[in-house]
Structure formats: C-alpha cells, structure tokens
Amino acid sequence: MVSYLPITIVPNETFHQSETNIYISYSLAKYWKIEPLDTIQLCLGVSTISVEVKMADIEKDVLHINPVLLKNIQVPQKESRFLSQYCHKDKCIYLGPIIGLMTELEEDSVSKEPDFRSVHSFCEELHHVIASIGGLFYVFHPRDFGTESTNCYYFDDGEWVKGSFGLPDVIYNRVHSRRLEASSSFNKILEQIHHLNIPIFNAKFLSKIEVHEMLFSEEHLHPYLPDTSTFTEQTLSTFLKKYPSVFIKPIHGSQGRNIIRLDLTEDGIQVVTSSGKSKDSMTFKSADPFIKWFKPRMNKSTYLIQQTIPLLTLEDRHLDFRVLCHKNYQERWRVTSVVARVSAEEQFVSNVARGGETMKPLKPLTLLFGKEIAVQQVALIKELALETANIVSQSAPGNYGEFGIDIGVDHEGKMWIIEVNSKPSKSFEEHDVKIRPSSKAIIEYSTALAFNKRDSPPLSN
C-alpha cells in the first residue's frame, strides 16, 4: 500500500520574514532529509511555488505557512490537513489531494444553498472522508472550471460555501446529463482539463450497445451475455422467431425507464412498459401494429432488442444483483459492495427508482438455494463483475474508476451480465453505515491518481 504522510498546514504570520518561507520541525526535516535554508518546490494541485525551508521548534507533522502564500496558491487560508510526499529528485513537497467533483448544480434563490441533485448526500460523505485523512474536496459545475482557478462549493462548518480555489489534482465526473456531456462546450472543457494534465474519471456515460460489443468481443464471456442487437423492424422479426419474450431498451436509458417487454401469447404480442404494471399491458395482433405504435419512440431514441432471461424471482418479484466495483490505490479493480434488488410488485425491472428494494445478497439466495450454494453464488457474482469491469475499462475510451454492474441469476443458477453503469446511482448501498464503502473507494482512487500524476512535470505559476 502506498504511504502518504499526513501534514497539517497552519497559517502563521508570526514566524515569517518572507512570504515564501515555510517552517517545519527539526524531526520532519531529518525525516525528509531537507537542510536548513534549502530552496525547494511546494506543489499543491497544479500550483508550484519556490519556497525557502526554515526550522522551528514546532510539532513534527506541521507546516507553518504565510497566509499570503496560501492565498497565492488558492487554497483555504485556515488550518488544513493534507497528505504529503517529498521527492528528493525534484526537491519538491507534494501536498494533496485536491479533488473536484464535476456535476450540474442549482442554487436556491432564497437560501443560496446549492443542490447537487442525486449526489448531494454523497458529496457530503466524500468531504468527511477526505477531511479525516487529508486533502481538499469541492464540487463545481462544468461552466465554472477555469484555466487558473475553479469557482466551486466546499463544505465548511456544516454547510456548503462558495469559494474559488486552485485547479484540482483530479476530477470525478458525475455530470447527470448525457446531452450536456455530448455538447461542444463540454468537450472544450475536457480539452482544457487534458491540456492541464488533470486526470478525470469516469470519462462518460456508456451506451448499452457499446458495452455489449465490448463484452461480446471476449469469447469467454459469450455464455453470460443475453442475445442483443440494435432494434430494427428486421431484428424484431428475427428475435420473435427465436424467443418467446424480448426486451426493448433505450441504449442511453437509466434507472429502468422506458423499457418495454414483449411476450408472445395466443392472442398476439403482449406489451408491458417499465412505467406501468402488468395489468396495464397492451396486446397487438402482430408485429406490424406494434411497430406503428412504437415508431414515435424510435424517432426520439435508439433502442436495442434483447432476449428475456428467466431470472430468479422472490415471491413473484424479479431479482437481480447490483455490484459496485472501484479501483484501489494500485489502480486495480475490487468489489466494494453487492446488494440484491427486488422489483416492486407487478414490475419487471428491479430498479429502486421504479419502486424496487434492496437487501443483502445472501438472504434471497439462501432462501432459493440454501446457505452453501448461496455463498458460492455471491463469490461467483463478484468474480464475474470484476472480469466485466476489467474488460470494459480496458476497451472504453477514457479513464474509469467506478462501475455499477447488474448481474442476474436464472432458475438454473446460471449468471447473466445485464448492464454496466459508468455513473452508478448512489441509492443501492446499504445505509447502516455513516460512510459508504464507495465514498472511501472514490477518495482512495482519486488520491492514487493525484499523486501518480506527479511523474509529469508540474505547471508553474
């Protein structure tokens, strides 16, 4: 495991004859092998400034810095905790990480409180994690990213406060809108971020069809993939000849919205949408009238068609499993949580947004298979999720540090990869702990990216 030394920065004018002096303890100077009056670099975020080191009889893991210097490198001018590394080759003290979460946000016109939408409480968790280990976390809208500083919100004394800080070491992309993410203005921002050598993850939303193609390129995964194709009138005809039931899904859909299930019956084709219940189904005599009904939707979005898998049910409610995978300090994938998702009554999707509920995975599997097999199934679910995360992250353009992977199990115990989400919802983890495992994992991976990028030459002020 990578080791970082926690350091407390103390703004202090008393010691300083010059704004560019920093004071460290004799024991820290000995530990880092820094000589008195050495001129070194102090690097925080993308800011680098030359400073002269002086010794003082102070606590070991403390840096006394002039508030003016802190202002110049655009960090909070108050006592703050950071992680540190000293590089003898560069003669540089690296402090960090500064982590920026990029997302849409709204501000209440009266209270001026920001709303980070579905990741609001998650952002507060991320702040508490980084505050406990060292670093700075803030949230910003893409439009507020600048080439020298970022207008943002940071958590201070129990509330989100507006600020303007130096550029982050690493950016976590939680933009909700696919339309914004595809815009030319957003892509210009991405170009700036890459030009500034700032790592960013998770790169973008991934469509269901491109994920299927990535996984299907690996022959050993074929048994775990439902038969899938882009929806056309021809593929509808082909699939209905092969399967008694199929799903039609928008390739850019999320949270189980706008999914359609078709079942062949004696009366024709029974159709149920994920926004309705089974009793609200429609029946078409053949494919032609269905296509006529469906065409307005086809004009608005691209869909895929997929064979229906006879997944496990619990008390006649559909069951699948959400696996959260994250990269660690070594940038290797690991499973951070697994939950079972059970659909609402008369719903065929298990998404929490559609009324589903979550539980620990062993509970339903034990009821269905017994304890011994249930333990084996959970282990295999994790193994399949990790393989999926590795393949998608290696195949997809850009950098990914987090996936939500949906895996189903059929009545014979066989596993199926249902979906891979590059910006998974934060509603699936168990809430019996104050800080969720995914919060710790995001900070862990961000810290690795922040310090690993130090191999590149830093930008000077």
Protein backbone atom coordinates (compact mmCIF):
# COMPACT_ATOMS: atom_id res chain seq x y z
CA MET A 1 0.00 0.00 0.00
CA VAL A 2 1.24 3.48 -0.89
CA SER A 3 2.26 5.59 2.12
CA TYR A 4 1.45 9.28 2.43
CA LEU A 5 2.44 11.39 5.43
CA PRO A 6 -0.46 13.42 6.88
CA ILE A 7 0.58 17.06 7.26
CA THR A 8 -1.27 19.93 8.91
CA ILE A 9 -0.86 23.35 7.30
CA VAL A 10 -1.02 26.16 9.83
CA PRO A 11 -1.36 29.74 8.52
CA ASN A 12 1.11 31.77 10.57
CA GLU A 13 2.43 35.30 10.10
CA THR A 14 4.48 35.28 13.31
CA PHE A 15 7.41 33.23 12.01
CA HIS A 16 7.63 34.70 8.56
CA GLN A 17 10.08 37.32 7.43
CA SER A 18 9.17 36.47 3.85
CA GLU A 19 6.01 35.22 2.18
CA THR A 20 7.98 32.38 0.60
CA ASN A 21 9.39 30.98 3.84
CA ILE A 22 7.90 27.81 5.25
CA TYR A 23 8.71 26.43 8.70
CA ILE A 24 8.97 22.73 9.52
CA SER A 25 10.08 20.82 12.59
CA TYR A 26 13.63 19.53 13.02
CA SER A 27 12.35 15.94 13.07
CA LEU A 28 10.42 16.39 9.82
CA ALA A 29 13.45 17.98 8.17
CA LYS A 30 15.51 14.98 9.27
CA TYR A 31 12.85 12.55 8.02
CA TRP A 32 12.72 14.24 4.61
CA LYS A 33 16.49 14.93 4.61
CA ILE A 34 15.99 18.64 4.00
CA GLU A 35 18.73 21.06 5.05
CA PRO A 36 18.01 24.45 6.63
CA LEU A 37 17.61 27.26 4.10
CA ASP A 38 17.13 24.75 1.28
CA THR A 39 15.12 26.18 -1.59
CA ILE A 40 12.53 23.63 -2.64
CA GLN A 41 9.26 23.48 -4.55
CA LEU A 42 5.90 23.38 -2.81
CA CYS A 43 3.31 21.72 -5.05
CA LEU A 44 -0.42 21.77 -4.32
CA GLY A 45 -2.95 20.97 -7.04
CA VAL A 46 -1.44 22.29 -10.27
CA SER A 47 0.27 25.16 -8.43
CA THR A 48 4.01 25.07 -7.80
CA ILE A 49 5.96 27.75 -5.95
CA SER A 50 9.58 28.05 -4.79
CA VAL A 51 9.94 28.31 -1.02
CA GLU A 52 12.80 28.53 1.47
CA VAL A 53 12.72 25.99 4.28
CA LYS A 54 13.40 27.09 7.84
CA MET A 55 13.43 25.01 11.01
CA ALA A 56 11.43 25.71 14.13
CA ASP A 57 10.61 24.01 17.41
CA ILE A 58 7.10 23.01 16.36
CA GLU A 59 5.08 19.82 16.15
CA LYS A 60 6.54 17.18 13.87
CA ASP A 61 3.88 16.87 11.16
CA VAL A 62 3.10 20.56 10.73
CA LEU A 63 3.96 23.19 8.11
CA HIS A 64 3.73 26.83 9.12
CA ILE A 65 2.96 28.86 6.01
CA ASN A 66 2.30 32.55 5.49
CA PRO A 67 -1.43 33.17 4.72
CA VAL A 68 -0.39 35.29 1.73
CA LEU A 69 1.33 32.26 0.21
CA LEU A 70 -1.80 30.16 0.80
CA LYS A 71 -3.82 32.86 -0.95
CA ASN A 72 -1.42 32.82 -3.89
CA ILE A 73 -1.76 29.06 -4.36
CA GLN A 74 -5.55 29.38 -3.90
CA VAL A 75 -6.33 27.08 -1.01
CA PRO A 76 -8.30 27.81 2.21
CA GLN A 77 -6.43 30.23 4.46
CA LYS A 78 -7.10 28.22 7.58
CA GLU A 79 -5.63 25.22 9.35
CA SER A 80 -5.99 22.31 6.92
CA ARG A 81 -4.89 18.71 6.75
CA PHE A 82 -3.26 17.28 3.61
CA LEU A 83 -1.36 14.18 2.61
CA SER A 84 2.26 14.71 1.62
CA GLN A 85 5.18 13.17 -0.19
CA TYR A 86 8.68 14.57 -0.56
CA CYS A 87 10.57 13.89 -3.80
CA HIS A 88 14.35 14.27 -3.46
CA LYS A 89 14.84 14.21 -7.21
CA ASP A 90 12.53 17.20 -7.78
CA LYS A 91 13.26 18.76 -4.36
CA CYS A 92 9.51 19.14 -4.04
CA ILE A 93 6.96 18.72 -1.25
CA TYR A 94 3.80 17.40 -2.85
CA LEU A 95 0.60 18.12 -0.93
CA GLY A 96 -2.84 16.87 -1.80
CA PRO A 97 -5.11 15.59 -2.97
CA ILE A 98 -7.36 18.36 -4.24
CA ILE A 99 -10.39 16.51 -5.64
CA GLY A 100 -13.04 18.24 -7.72
CA LEU A 101 -16.41 16.58 -8.34
CA MET A 102 -17.92 17.94 -11.54
CA THR A 103 -21.71 17.92 -11.82
CA GLU A 104 -24.72 20.09 -12.54
CA LEU A 105 -25.87 22.11 -9.57
CA GLU A 106 -28.61 24.53 -8.73
CA GLU A 107 -28.70 27.28 -6.12
CA ASP A 108 -31.77 28.13 -4.07
CA SER A 109 -32.64 31.74 -4.84
CA VAL A 110 -33.52 32.49 -1.21
CA SER A 111 -31.20 30.38 0.97
CA LYS A 112 -28.37 30.29 -1.60
CA GLU A 113 -27.90 26.63 -0.65
CA PRO A 114 -26.61 24.52 -3.57
CA ASP A 115 -28.35 21.36 -4.75
CA PHE A 116 -26.14 18.66 -6.24
CA ARG A 117 -29.18 16.56 -7.12
CA SER A 118 -28.79 12.79 -6.79
CA VAL A 119 -25.20 13.00 -5.45
CA HIS A 120 -25.84 15.69 -2.81
CA SER A 121 -25.53 13.49 0.29
CA PHE A 122 -22.76 11.52 -1.40
CA CYS A 123 -20.73 14.73 -1.80
CA GLU A 124 -21.00 15.39 1.92
CA GLU A 125 -19.73 11.87 2.59
CA LEU A 126 -16.78 12.44 0.27
CA HIS A 127 -15.92 15.62 2.16
CA HIS A 128 -15.96 13.79 5.51
CA VAL A 129 -13.72 11.01 4.17
CA ILE A 130 -11.10 13.38 2.82
CA ALA A 131 -11.28 15.59 5.90
CA SER A 132 -10.44 12.56 8.04
CA ILE A 133 -7.37 11.56 6.03
CA GLY A 134 -6.21 14.84 4.48
CA GLY A 135 -6.97 16.82 1.34
CA LEU A 136 -9.48 19.24 -0.11
CA PHE A 137 -12.77 18.30 -1.77
CA TYR A 138 -15.02 20.64 -3.70
CA VAL A 139 -17.94 20.48 -6.14
CA PHE A 140 -18.22 22.54 -9.31
CA HIS A 141 -20.37 22.96 -12.40
CA PRO A 142 -18.54 22.40 -15.70
CA ARG A 143 -19.13 26.02 -16.69
CA ASP A 144 -17.20 27.19 -13.58
CA PHE A 145 -13.98 25.43 -14.49
CA GLY A 146 -11.24 27.90 -15.44
CA THR A 147 -7.67 27.55 -16.63
CA GLU A 148 -6.27 29.06 -13.43
CA SER A 149 -8.97 28.58 -10.77
CA THR A 150 -12.35 26.98 -10.21
CA ASN A 151 -15.47 28.57 -8.76
CA CYS A 152 -16.94 25.90 -6.54
CA TYR A 153 -18.64 24.86 -3.32
CA TYR A 154 -16.78 23.36 -0.39
CA PHE A 155 -18.10 22.04 2.92
CA ASP A 156 -17.19 24.25 5.88
CA ASP A 157 -18.65 24.29 9.39
CA GLY A 158 -21.61 22.11 8.44
CA GLU A 159 -22.66 23.85 5.23
CA TRP A 160 -21.71 24.22 1.57
CA VAL A 161 -19.93 27.52 0.98
CA LYS A 162 -18.99 29.27 -2.26
CA GLY A 163 -15.29 29.54 -2.95
CA SER A 164 -12.66 29.94 -5.62
CA PHE A 165 -9.72 27.58 -5.39
CA GLY A 166 -6.79 26.39 -7.43
CA LEU A 167 -7.30 23.70 -10.03
CA PRO A 168 -7.77 20.16 -8.69
CA ASP A 169 -5.33 17.28 -8.86
CA VAL A 170 -8.08 15.02 -10.14
CA ILE A 171 -11.68 15.36 -11.34
CA TYR A 172 -14.52 12.91 -10.68
CA ASN A 173 -17.12 13.25 -13.44
CA ARG A 174 -20.68 12.99 -12.11
CA VAL A 175 -22.43 15.03 -14.80
CA HIS A 176 -26.01 13.74 -14.95
CA SER A 177 -26.99 14.92 -18.42
CA ARG A 178 -25.98 12.94 -21.49
CA ARG A 179 -26.95 15.94 -23.60
CA LEU A 180 -24.55 18.22 -21.70
CA GLU A 181 -21.82 15.61 -21.85
CA ALA A 182 -22.18 15.41 -25.65
CA SER A 183 -22.17 19.20 -26.15
CA SER A 184 -19.35 21.10 -27.85
CA SER A 185 -18.97 23.39 -24.81
CA PHE A 186 -18.41 20.41 -22.51
CA ASN A 187 -15.89 18.89 -24.89
CA LYS A 188 -13.95 22.18 -24.90
CA ILE A 189 -13.77 21.95 -21.12
CA LEU A 190 -12.48 18.38 -21.40
CA GLU A 191 -9.78 19.59 -23.79
CA GLN A 192 -8.69 22.19 -21.23
CA ILE A 193 -8.61 19.56 -18.49
CA HIS A 194 -6.44 17.24 -20.58
CA HIS A 195 -4.15 20.12 -21.61
CA LEU A 196 -3.61 20.91 -17.93
CA ASN A 197 -2.67 17.26 -17.29
CA ILE A 198 -5.51 16.78 -14.79
CA PRO A 199 -6.73 13.15 -14.61
CA ILE A 200 -10.51 12.80 -14.95
CA PHE A 201 -12.76 9.80 -14.32
CA ASN A 202 -15.43 8.40 -15.05
CA ALA A 203 -14.96 9.59 -18.58
CA LYS A 204 -18.54 9.43 -19.91
CA PHE A 205 -21.82 7.57 -19.99
CA LEU A 206 -21.54 4.30 -21.89
CA SER A 207 -24.39 3.16 -24.10
CA LYS A 208 -25.84 -0.30 -23.58
CA ILE A 209 -24.99 -1.38 -27.11
CA GLU A 210 -21.32 -0.33 -26.95
CA VAL A 211 -20.91 -2.11 -23.61
CA HIS A 212 -22.42 -5.26 -25.13
CA GLU A 213 -20.00 -5.06 -28.06
CA MET A 214 -17.01 -4.64 -25.72
CA LEU A 215 -18.01 -7.69 -23.71
CA PHE A 216 -19.02 -9.76 -26.74
CA SER A 217 -15.53 -9.27 -28.19
CA GLU A 218 -14.33 -11.57 -25.39
CA GLU A 219 -15.39 -15.08 -26.39
CA HIS A 220 -15.22 -16.47 -22.85
CA LEU A 221 -18.00 -14.05 -21.83
CA HIS A 222 -20.48 -15.18 -24.52
CA PRO A 223 -22.28 -17.60 -22.15
CA TYR A 224 -23.02 -14.71 -19.77
CA LEU A 225 -24.46 -12.29 -22.34
CA PRO A 226 -28.11 -12.23 -23.43
CA ASP A 227 -28.56 -12.23 -27.20
CA THR A 228 -28.60 -8.49 -28.04
CA SER A 229 -28.85 -6.34 -31.17
CA THR A 230 -29.73 -2.82 -32.24
CA PHE A 231 -33.51 -2.61 -32.64
CA THR A 232 -34.91 -2.51 -36.17
CA GLU A 233 -38.03 -3.96 -37.73
CA GLN A 234 -35.88 -6.77 -39.08
CA THR A 235 -34.24 -7.62 -35.74
CA LEU A 236 -37.67 -7.56 -34.07
CA SER A 237 -38.88 -10.18 -36.56
CA THR A 238 -35.73 -12.28 -36.08
CA PHE A 239 -35.85 -12.18 -32.27
CA LEU A 240 -39.57 -13.03 -32.08
CA LYS A 241 -38.88 -16.13 -34.16
CA LYS A 242 -36.13 -17.18 -31.73
CA TYR A 243 -37.53 -16.17 -28.33
CA PRO A 244 -40.97 -16.16 -26.72
CA SER A 245 -40.12 -12.97 -24.84
CA VAL A 246 -37.84 -9.98 -25.55
CA PHE A 247 -36.90 -6.63 -24.05
CA ILE A 248 -36.59 -3.37 -25.94
CA LYS A 249 -34.39 -0.82 -24.16
CA PRO A 250 -33.13 2.70 -24.98
CA ILE A 251 -29.37 2.43 -25.42
CA HIS A 252 -28.87 5.56 -23.30
CA GLY A 253 -31.55 4.71 -20.73
CA SER A 254 -31.08 4.66 -16.97
CA GLN A 255 -32.98 3.78 -13.78
CA GLY A 256 -35.18 1.28 -15.64
CA ARG A 257 -37.03 3.98 -17.59
CA ASN A 258 -38.74 3.36 -20.95
CA ILE A 259 -38.05 -0.38 -21.10
CA ILE A 260 -40.61 -2.46 -22.98
CA ARG A 261 -41.22 -6.17 -22.61
CA LEU A 262 -42.83 -8.17 -25.41
CA ASP A 263 -44.31 -11.62 -24.75
CA LEU A 264 -45.78 -13.88 -27.43
CA THR A 265 -49.25 -15.12 -26.47
CA GLU A 266 -52.11 -16.91 -28.20
CA ASP A 267 -53.68 -13.52 -28.86
CA GLY A 268 -50.57 -11.96 -30.39
CA ILE A 269 -47.87 -9.78 -28.75
CA GLN A 270 -48.45 -8.64 -25.19
CA VAL A 271 -46.60 -5.39 -24.38
CA VAL A 272 -45.77 -4.00 -20.92
CA THR A 273 -43.68 -0.90 -20.24
CA SER A 274 -41.50 -0.32 -17.18
CA SER A 275 -43.57 2.76 -16.35
CA GLY A 276 -46.69 0.65 -15.94
CA LYS A 277 -47.79 -2.60 -14.32
CA SER A 278 -48.64 -5.96 -15.82
CA LYS A 279 -52.35 -5.23 -15.58
CA ASP A 280 -51.77 -2.18 -17.81
CA SER A 281 -50.46 -4.28 -20.69
CA MET A 282 -51.48 -3.86 -24.33
CA THR A 283 -51.87 -6.60 -26.91
CA PHE A 284 -51.06 -6.29 -30.61
CA LYS A 285 -52.16 -8.97 -33.11
CA SER A 286 -48.80 -8.91 -34.90
CA ALA A 287 -45.51 -7.05 -35.19
CA ASP A 288 -46.83 -4.51 -37.73
CA PRO A 289 -49.33 -2.72 -35.43
CA PHE A 290 -46.75 -2.81 -32.65
CA ILE A 291 -44.18 -1.11 -34.90
CA LYS A 292 -46.76 1.54 -35.80
CA TRP A 293 -47.33 2.22 -32.09
CA PHE A 294 -43.60 2.15 -31.31
CA LYS A 295 -42.30 4.32 -34.19
CA PRO A 296 -42.73 7.69 -32.43
CA ARG A 297 -40.37 6.42 -29.72
CA MET A 298 -37.88 5.18 -32.34
CA ASN A 299 -37.69 8.69 -33.77
CA LYS A 300 -36.55 10.06 -30.40
CA SER A 301 -34.01 7.47 -29.34
CA THR A 302 -32.00 4.45 -30.46
CA TYR A 303 -33.09 1.15 -28.90
CA LEU A 304 -31.68 -2.33 -28.55
CA ILE A 305 -33.56 -5.62 -28.52
CA GLN A 306 -32.58 -8.40 -26.14
CA GLN A 307 -33.75 -11.87 -25.27
CA THR A 308 -35.57 -12.11 -21.95
CA ILE A 309 -33.72 -14.15 -19.36
CA PRO A 310 -35.89 -16.18 -16.92
CA LEU A 311 -34.31 -14.59 -13.86
CA LEU A 312 -34.93 -15.67 -10.32
CA THR A 313 -38.00 -14.35 -8.56
CA LEU A 314 -38.68 -13.88 -4.88
CA GLU A 315 -42.37 -14.03 -4.01
CA ASP A 316 -43.16 -13.38 -7.69
CA ARG A 317 -40.92 -10.29 -7.72
CA HIS A 318 -37.95 -10.09 -10.08
CA LEU A 319 -34.49 -10.41 -8.52
CA ASP A 320 -31.05 -9.30 -9.66
CA PHE A 321 -27.80 -8.05 -8.11
CA ARG A 322 -26.02 -4.68 -8.24
CA VAL A 323 -22.25 -4.95 -7.79
CA LEU A 324 -20.22 -1.79 -7.21
CA CYS A 325 -16.62 -2.04 -8.39
CA HIS A 326 -13.90 0.54 -7.77
CA LYS A 327 -10.20 0.88 -8.46
CA ASN A 328 -7.90 0.98 -5.45
CA TYR A 329 -4.57 2.71 -4.71
CA GLN A 330 -2.84 0.30 -7.10
CA GLU A 331 -5.50 1.09 -9.74
CA ARG A 332 -6.79 -2.48 -9.62
CA TRP A 333 -10.50 -3.31 -9.59
CA ARG A 334 -12.13 -4.57 -6.42
CA VAL A 335 -15.71 -5.17 -5.33
CA THR A 336 -16.87 -2.61 -2.76
CA SER A 337 -20.46 -3.78 -2.31
CA VAL A 338 -23.09 -6.24 -3.54
CA VAL A 339 -26.81 -5.84 -2.97
CA ALA A 340 -29.79 -7.87 -4.12
CA ARG A 341 -32.51 -5.82 -5.83
CA VAL A 342 -36.11 -7.00 -5.73
CA SER A 343 -38.65 -5.38 -8.03
CA ALA A 344 -41.86 -3.77 -6.88
CA GLU A 345 -44.96 -5.91 -7.26
CA GLU A 346 -46.10 -6.25 -10.88
CA GLN A 347 -42.90 -4.58 -12.13
CA PHE A 348 -40.39 -6.42 -14.31
CA VAL A 349 -37.45 -4.10 -13.51
CA SER A 350 -35.79 -4.14 -10.10
CA ASN A 351 -34.54 -0.54 -10.08
CA VAL A 352 -35.05 1.33 -6.81
CA ALA A 353 -36.23 4.30 -8.90
CA ARG A 354 -39.12 2.12 -10.09
CA GLY A 355 -40.16 1.09 -6.57
CA GLY A 356 -37.73 -1.80 -6.02
CA GLU A 357 -35.97 -2.52 -2.74
CA THR A 358 -32.54 -3.76 -1.75
CA MET A 359 -31.30 -6.40 0.67
CA LYS A 360 -28.13 -8.31 1.45
CA PRO A 361 -27.44 -10.81 -1.37
CA LEU A 362 -27.18 -13.91 0.82
CA LYS A 363 -30.74 -13.51 2.08
CA PRO A 364 -32.67 -14.25 -1.16
CA LEU A 365 -30.07 -16.70 -2.47
CA THR A 366 -30.20 -18.70 0.76
CA LEU A 367 -34.00 -18.84 0.58
CA LEU A 368 -33.80 -20.08 -3.01
CA PHE A 369 -30.74 -22.37 -2.98
CA GLY A 370 -29.64 -22.92 0.62
CA LYS A 371 -26.72 -21.32 2.52
CA GLU A 372 -23.81 -23.27 0.99
CA ILE A 373 -24.78 -22.63 -2.63
CA ALA A 374 -25.73 -19.03 -1.82
CA VAL A 375 -22.19 -18.31 -0.54
CA GLN A 376 -20.73 -19.81 -3.73
CA GLN A 377 -23.11 -17.77 -5.90
CA VAL A 378 -22.14 -14.49 -4.24
CA ALA A 379 -18.44 -15.29 -4.78
CA LEU A 380 -19.11 -16.06 -8.46
CA ILE A 381 -21.15 -12.86 -8.87
CA LYS A 382 -18.18 -10.86 -7.57
CA GLU A 383 -15.76 -12.71 -9.83
CA LEU A 384 -17.91 -12.07 -12.92
CA ALA A 385 -18.32 -8.40 -12.00
CA LEU A 386 -14.55 -7.91 -11.67
CA GLU A 387 -13.93 -9.55 -15.04
CA THR A 388 -16.59 -7.31 -16.57
CA ALA A 389 -15.06 -4.17 -15.03
CA ASN A 390 -11.60 -5.06 -16.29
CA ILE A 391 -12.76 -5.65 -19.85
CA VAL A 392 -14.93 -2.55 -20.12
CA SER A 393 -12.29 -0.26 -18.58
CA GLN A 394 -9.65 -1.60 -20.98
CA SER A 395 -11.93 -1.26 -24.02
CA ALA A 396 -13.75 2.02 -23.38
CA PRO A 397 -12.09 5.33 -24.28
CA GLY A 398 -11.10 7.42 -21.28
CA ASN A 399 -10.50 6.55 -17.66
CA TYR A 400 -12.92 4.75 -15.35
CA GLY A 401 -12.58 4.13 -11.64
CA GLU A 402 -16.13 3.05 -10.79
CA PHE A 403 -18.78 0.79 -12.31
CA GLY A 404 -22.18 -0.40 -11.18
CA ILE A 405 -22.65 -3.85 -12.73
CA ASP A 406 -26.04 -5.56 -12.77
CA ILE A 407 -25.92 -9.36 -12.77
CA GLY A 408 -28.86 -11.73 -12.92
CA VAL A 409 -29.17 -15.40 -11.98
CA ASP A 410 -31.65 -17.65 -13.77
CA HIS A 411 -33.64 -20.55 -12.35
CA GLU A 412 -30.83 -22.98 -13.13
CA GLY A 413 -28.29 -20.88 -11.24
CA LYS A 414 -26.61 -19.54 -14.38
CA MET A 415 -25.35 -15.94 -14.30
CA TRP A 416 -26.04 -13.20 -16.81
CA ILE A 417 -24.50 -9.75 -17.28
CA ILE A 418 -27.46 -7.42 -17.57
CA GLU A 419 -25.94 -3.95 -17.59
CA VAL A 420 -22.82 -1.87 -16.82
CA ASN A 421 -23.25 1.66 -15.47
CA SER A 422 -20.32 4.10 -15.61
CA LYS A 423 -22.06 6.54 -13.26
CA PRO A 424 -23.93 4.24 -10.90
CA SER A 425 -26.69 5.51 -8.66
CA LYS A 426 -25.81 6.06 -5.02
CA SER A 427 -29.12 4.58 -3.83
CA PHE A 428 -28.10 0.92 -3.82
CA GLU A 429 -25.62 0.58 -0.97
CA GLU A 430 -26.78 -0.33 2.48
CA HIS A 431 -27.29 2.69 4.70
CA ASP A 432 -26.48 1.07 8.05
CA VAL A 433 -23.09 2.78 8.00
CA LYS A 434 -22.45 6.51 8.10
CA ILE A 435 -19.82 6.46 5.36
CA ARG A 436 -20.46 4.06 2.49
CA PRO A 437 -17.65 1.90 1.08
CA SER A 438 -17.96 3.64 -2.30
CA SER A 439 -17.17 7.02 -0.69
CA LYS A 440 -13.93 5.67 0.75
CA ALA A 441 -13.12 3.96 -2.56
CA ILE A 442 -13.58 7.13 -4.61
CA ILE A 443 -11.23 9.09 -2.34
CA GLU A 444 -8.72 6.22 -2.41
CA TYR A 445 -8.61 6.09 -6.21
CA SER A 446 -8.58 9.90 -6.53
CA THR A 447 -5.61 10.05 -4.16
CA ALA A 448 -3.74 7.49 -6.26
CA LEU A 449 -4.39 9.48 -9.45
CA ALA A 450 -3.42 12.75 -7.77
CA PHE A 451 -0.02 11.54 -6.57
CA ASN A 452 0.75 9.27 -9.52
CA LYS A 453 0.46 12.18 -11.95
CA ARG A 454 3.41 13.78 -10.16
CA ASP A 455 5.66 11.86 -12.54
CA SER A 456 4.75 14.52 -15.11
CA PRO A 457 6.40 17.95 -14.91
CA PRO A 458 4.30 20.29 -12.71
CA LEU A 459 2.92 23.53 -14.09
CA SER A 460 4.44 26.65 -12.58
CA ASN A 461 2.55 29.76 -11.52
